[in-house]
Every structure is written in structure tokens, then in C-alpha cells.
Amino acid sequence: MPNKSLAEQWLVKAWHDLKSAQILYDAGHFTDSIGCDCQQAIEKMLKSFLAYENKKIKRTHDLAKTPLVLSKTLGMQKTPAQKCISSMAVFARPA
């Protein structure tokens, strides 16, 4: 049975991250924080799918792994977007 309430909680958190990024962007401040807020928003949006399906949500901030978990858990094939996120995540990691 879908868990709409939990999925909505994740989406509200994602919205807050996006709004924080927008406020910082509009003020012309802290581009590194803007990137972190956007990354967190994407992560939380992806995790909302798992929440909706009542699947276990692992504590990770790895955007390369989250789509893979989604595809395995929800029986989805790897999409071009997942491949793109995986390749971008490699370049975004600190050295």
C-alpha cells in the first residue's frame, strides 16, 4: 500500500532545500551552498519514490547510488537520466 504521507514529507523537505537555494541565488551569495541545497533537493525527491512504495531508505548522500537503489528496489531499468547523474556525481565529489 502506498505511503503518500511519508512521500509528501520527503517532498516538503526537498521543497525547503530548493527554496533555500533560490533565496541564496537571488541574494547573490554562497554558490557552494546553493549547489549543496540543490543536491539535497534532488536526493530527497528521489527518496520520496522509495517512501511512497514503503521501501527502506538508506542514509546516503550519494546521488550516484540513489538512482541505482531506486531502479533495483522498484524494478526499473537504468534510464539515461540515471546514467547522467552517475557520471556527474563522479566529478562533483571533493578530491
N, C-alpha and C. Protein backbone atom coordinates (compact mmCIF):
# COMPACT_ATOMS: atom_id res chain seq x y z
N MET A 1 0.85 -1.18 0.00
CA MET A 1 0.00 0.00 0.00
C MET A 1 0.89 1.25 0.00
N PRO A 2 0.64 2.19 -0.90
CA PRO A 2 1.46 3.40 -0.98
C PRO A 2 1.42 4.23 0.30
N ASN A 3 2.54 4.82 0.63
CA ASN A 3 2.64 5.67 1.80
C ASN A 3 2.76 7.12 1.33
N LYS A 4 1.62 7.71 0.99
CA LYS A 4 1.61 9.07 0.47
C LYS A 4 2.10 10.09 1.48
N SER A 5 1.79 9.86 2.75
CA SER A 5 2.17 10.80 3.79
C SER A 5 3.68 10.91 3.93
N LEU A 6 4.36 9.77 3.96
CA LEU A 6 5.82 9.78 4.09
C LEU A 6 6.47 10.37 2.83
N ALA A 7 5.95 10.02 1.68
CA ALA A 7 6.48 10.58 0.43
C ALA A 7 6.32 12.10 0.42
N GLU A 8 5.19 12.57 0.88
CA GLU A 8 4.95 14.01 0.94
C GLU A 8 5.92 14.70 1.89
N GLN A 9 6.24 14.06 3.00
CA GLN A 9 7.21 14.64 3.94
C GLN A 9 8.57 14.82 3.27
N TRP A 10 9.01 13.83 2.48
CA TRP A 10 10.27 13.95 1.76
C TRP A 10 10.20 15.08 0.74
N LEU A 11 9.06 15.21 0.07
CA LEU A 11 8.92 16.26 -0.95
C LEU A 11 8.89 17.65 -0.32
N VAL A 12 8.30 17.78 0.84
CA VAL A 12 8.30 19.07 1.55
C VAL A 12 9.73 19.46 1.92
N LYS A 13 10.51 18.49 2.40
CA LYS A 13 11.91 18.77 2.73
C LYS A 13 12.69 19.17 1.48
N ALA A 14 12.41 18.51 0.37
CA ALA A 14 13.07 18.86 -0.89
C ALA A 14 12.70 20.28 -1.32
N TRP A 15 11.44 20.63 -1.15
CA TRP A 15 10.99 21.98 -1.49
C TRP A 15 11.72 23.02 -0.64
N HIS A 16 11.90 22.74 0.64
CA HIS A 16 12.62 23.66 1.52
C HIS A 16 14.05 23.86 1.04
N ASP A 17 14.71 22.78 0.62
CA ASP A 17 16.07 22.90 0.10
C ASP A 17 16.10 23.76 -1.16
N LEU A 18 15.12 23.56 -2.04
CA LEU A 18 15.07 24.36 -3.26
C LEU A 18 14.80 25.83 -2.96
N LYS A 19 13.93 26.09 -2.02
CA LYS A 19 13.64 27.48 -1.66
C LYS A 19 14.88 28.14 -1.03
N SER A 20 15.63 27.40 -0.21
CA SER A 20 16.86 27.93 0.37
C SER A 20 17.85 28.29 -0.73
N ALA A 21 17.99 27.40 -1.70
CA ALA A 21 18.90 27.66 -2.83
C ALA A 21 18.45 28.90 -3.60
N GLN A 22 17.15 29.04 -3.80
CA GLN A 22 16.62 30.20 -4.53
C GLN A 22 16.90 31.51 -3.78
N ILE A 23 16.72 31.49 -2.47
CA ILE A 23 16.98 32.69 -1.65
C ILE A 23 18.45 33.09 -1.75
N LEU A 24 19.35 32.11 -1.63
CA LEU A 24 20.77 32.40 -1.74
C LEU A 24 21.14 32.90 -3.14
N TYR A 25 20.55 32.27 -4.15
CA TYR A 25 20.82 32.68 -5.53
C TYR A 25 20.36 34.11 -5.78
N ASP A 26 19.15 34.41 -5.35
CA ASP A 26 18.59 35.76 -5.55
C ASP A 26 19.43 36.82 -4.85
N ALA A 27 20.04 36.46 -3.72
CA ALA A 27 20.87 37.40 -2.97
C ALA A 27 22.31 37.44 -3.48
N GLY A 28 22.64 36.54 -4.41
CA GLY A 28 23.98 36.51 -4.97
C GLY A 28 25.04 35.99 -4.01
N HIS A 29 24.66 35.06 -3.17
CA HIS A 29 25.56 34.56 -2.13
C HIS A 29 25.82 33.06 -2.23
N PHE A 30 26.96 32.66 -1.73
CA PHE A 30 27.29 31.29 -1.37
C PHE A 30 26.94 30.24 -2.43
N THR A 31 27.58 30.34 -3.59
CA THR A 31 27.26 29.38 -4.65
C THR A 31 27.55 27.94 -4.24
N ASP A 32 28.51 27.72 -3.35
CA ASP A 32 28.77 26.35 -2.90
C ASP A 32 27.59 25.81 -2.10
N SER A 33 26.97 26.65 -1.30
CA SER A 33 25.79 26.24 -0.52
C SER A 33 24.59 26.00 -1.43
N ILE A 34 24.48 26.80 -2.48
CA ILE A 34 23.39 26.62 -3.44
C ILE A 34 23.48 25.23 -4.06
N GLY A 35 24.70 24.85 -4.45
CA GLY A 35 24.89 23.52 -5.03
C GLY A 35 24.53 22.40 -4.07
N CYS A 36 24.89 22.56 -2.81
CA CYS A 36 24.56 21.55 -1.80
C CYS A 36 23.05 21.46 -1.59
N ASP A 37 22.39 22.61 -1.55
CA ASP A 37 20.93 22.61 -1.38
C ASP A 37 20.24 21.92 -2.55
N CYS A 38 20.73 22.19 -3.77
CA CYS A 38 20.13 21.55 -4.95
C CYS A 38 20.36 20.04 -4.95
N GLN A 39 21.57 19.63 -4.56
CA GLN A 39 21.87 18.21 -4.49
C GLN A 39 20.96 17.53 -3.48
N GLN A 40 20.79 18.17 -2.32
CA GLN A 40 19.92 17.61 -1.28
C GLN A 40 18.48 17.51 -1.77
N ALA A 41 18.02 18.52 -2.49
CA ALA A 41 16.65 18.51 -3.00
C ALA A 41 16.44 17.34 -3.97
N ILE A 42 17.40 17.13 -4.87
CA ILE A 42 17.28 16.03 -5.82
C ILE A 42 17.26 14.69 -5.08
N GLU A 43 18.16 14.56 -4.13
CA GLU A 43 18.23 13.33 -3.34
C GLU A 43 16.90 13.04 -2.63
N LYS A 44 16.32 14.06 -2.02
CA LYS A 44 15.07 13.88 -1.28
C LYS A 44 13.90 13.59 -2.22
N MET A 45 13.91 14.19 -3.40
CA MET A 45 12.86 13.88 -4.38
C MET A 45 12.94 12.41 -4.80
N LEU A 46 14.17 11.94 -5.05
CA LEU A 46 14.33 10.53 -5.42
C LEU A 46 13.90 9.61 -4.29
N LYS A 47 14.26 9.96 -3.07
CA LYS A 47 13.90 9.13 -1.92
C LYS A 47 12.39 9.13 -1.66
N SER A 48 11.70 10.16 -2.12
CA SER A 48 10.24 10.18 -1.95
C SER A 48 9.57 9.03 -2.69
N PHE A 49 10.19 8.60 -3.81
CA PHE A 49 9.64 7.45 -4.53
C PHE A 49 9.74 6.19 -3.68
N LEU A 50 10.87 6.03 -3.01
CA LEU A 50 11.03 4.86 -2.13
C LEU A 50 10.06 4.94 -0.96
N ALA A 51 9.90 6.13 -0.40
CA ALA A 51 8.96 6.31 0.72
C ALA A 51 7.54 5.96 0.30
N TYR A 52 7.18 6.40 -0.89
CA TYR A 52 5.83 6.12 -1.39
C TYR A 52 5.57 4.61 -1.47
N GLU A 53 6.60 3.88 -1.86
CA GLU A 53 6.47 2.42 -2.01
C GLU A 53 6.79 1.67 -0.72
N ASN A 54 6.97 2.40 0.40
CA ASN A 54 7.28 1.79 1.69
C ASN A 54 8.56 0.95 1.65
N LYS A 55 9.54 1.43 0.90
CA LYS A 55 10.82 0.74 0.81
C LYS A 55 11.80 1.38 1.79
N LYS A 56 12.79 0.62 2.20
CA LYS A 56 13.80 1.12 3.12
C LYS A 56 14.61 2.22 2.44
N ILE A 57 14.83 3.30 3.18
CA ILE A 57 15.60 4.42 2.67
C ILE A 57 16.93 4.46 3.41
N LYS A 58 18.00 4.18 2.67
CA LYS A 58 19.32 4.17 3.29
C LYS A 58 19.80 5.60 3.49
N ARG A 59 20.57 5.79 4.54
CA ARG A 59 21.15 7.10 4.84
C ARG A 59 22.39 7.29 3.97
N THR A 60 22.20 7.95 2.86
CA THR A 60 23.31 8.24 1.96
C THR A 60 23.06 9.58 1.29
N HIS A 61 24.15 10.22 0.91
CA HIS A 61 24.05 11.47 0.15
C HIS A 61 24.71 11.28 -1.21
N ASP A 62 24.77 10.06 -1.66
CA ASP A 62 25.44 9.73 -2.91
C ASP A 62 24.42 9.68 -4.04
N LEU A 63 24.42 10.73 -4.86
CA LEU A 63 23.46 10.78 -5.97
C LEU A 63 23.74 9.72 -7.02
N ALA A 64 24.93 9.19 -7.04
CA ALA A 64 25.23 8.12 -7.99
C ALA A 64 24.57 6.81 -7.56
N LYS A 65 24.41 6.61 -6.25
CA LYS A 65 23.84 5.35 -5.75
C LYS A 65 22.32 5.39 -5.63
N THR A 66 21.77 6.54 -5.28
CA THR A 66 20.33 6.61 -5.03
C THR A 66 19.50 6.17 -6.24
N PRO A 67 19.80 6.63 -7.46
CA PRO A 67 19.02 6.13 -8.61
C PRO A 67 19.17 4.64 -8.82
N LEU A 68 20.35 4.09 -8.51
CA LEU A 68 20.54 2.65 -8.65
C LEU A 68 19.68 1.89 -7.65
N VAL A 69 19.61 2.40 -6.43
CA VAL A 69 18.75 1.78 -5.41
C VAL A 69 17.30 1.84 -5.88
N LEU A 70 16.90 2.98 -6.42
CA LEU A 70 15.54 3.12 -6.93
C LEU A 70 15.25 2.10 -8.02
N SER A 71 16.16 1.98 -8.97
CA SER A 71 15.90 1.07 -10.09
C SER A 71 15.82 -0.38 -9.63
N LYS A 72 16.70 -0.77 -8.70
CA LYS A 72 16.67 -2.14 -8.19
C LYS A 72 15.43 -2.39 -7.34
N THR A 73 15.13 -1.45 -6.44
CA THR A 73 14.03 -1.63 -5.49
C THR A 73 12.68 -1.59 -6.19
N LEU A 74 12.54 -0.69 -7.15
CA LEU A 74 11.24 -0.52 -7.81
C LEU A 74 11.16 -1.29 -9.13
N GLY A 75 12.21 -2.04 -9.47
CA GLY A 75 12.19 -2.85 -10.68
C GLY A 75 12.24 -2.02 -11.95
N MET A 76 12.96 -0.91 -11.91
CA MET A 76 13.07 -0.03 -13.08
C MET A 76 14.39 -0.30 -13.78
N GLN A 77 14.41 -0.05 -15.09
CA GLN A 77 15.66 -0.14 -15.81
C GLN A 77 16.42 1.16 -15.65
N LYS A 78 17.73 1.10 -15.80
CA LYS A 78 18.56 2.31 -15.69
C LYS A 78 18.25 3.22 -16.88
N THR A 79 17.86 4.43 -16.56
CA THR A 79 17.48 5.39 -17.59
C THR A 79 18.66 6.26 -18.00
N PRO A 80 18.55 6.98 -19.11
CA PRO A 80 19.62 7.92 -19.48
C PRO A 80 19.87 8.96 -18.39
N ALA A 81 18.83 9.39 -17.69
CA ALA A 81 18.99 10.37 -16.62
C ALA A 81 19.84 9.79 -15.49
N GLN A 82 19.63 8.53 -15.15
CA GLN A 82 20.42 7.89 -14.10
C GLN A 82 21.89 7.79 -14.51
N LYS A 83 22.12 7.46 -15.77
CA LYS A 83 23.50 7.38 -16.26
C LYS A 83 24.16 8.76 -16.17
N CYS A 84 23.42 9.79 -16.52
CA CYS A 84 23.93 11.15 -16.46
C CYS A 84 24.25 11.56 -15.03
N ILE A 85 23.33 11.29 -14.10
CA ILE A 85 23.54 11.62 -12.69
C ILE A 85 24.77 10.89 -12.16
N SER A 86 24.91 9.61 -12.51
CA SER A 86 26.05 8.83 -12.05
C SER A 86 27.36 9.43 -12.54
N SER A 87 27.41 9.84 -13.80
CA SER A 87 28.65 10.38 -14.33
C SER A 87 28.94 11.77 -13.75
N MET A 88 27.91 12.58 -13.50
CA MET A 88 28.13 13.91 -12.91
C MET A 88 28.58 13.79 -11.47
N ALA A 89 28.09 12.82 -10.75
CA ALA A 89 28.42 12.67 -9.33
C ALA A 89 29.91 12.39 -9.15
N VAL A 90 30.51 11.71 -10.10
CA VAL A 90 31.94 11.42 -10.02
C VAL A 90 32.74 12.73 -10.04
N PHE A 91 32.34 13.68 -10.88
CA PHE A 91 33.06 14.95 -10.98
C PHE A 91 32.74 15.89 -9.83
N ALA A 92 31.62 15.71 -9.19
CA ALA A 92 31.19 16.62 -8.12
C ALA A 92 31.83 16.29 -6.77
N ARG A 93 32.37 15.10 -6.64
CA ARG A 93 32.95 14.69 -5.35
C ARG A 93 34.24 15.46 -5.07
N PRO A 94 34.43 15.87 -3.81
CA PRO A 94 35.70 16.51 -3.46
C PRO A 94 36.87 15.55 -3.56
N ALA A 95 38.02 16.06 -3.86
CA ALA A 95 39.22 15.21 -4.02
C ALA A 95 39.73 14.72 -2.69
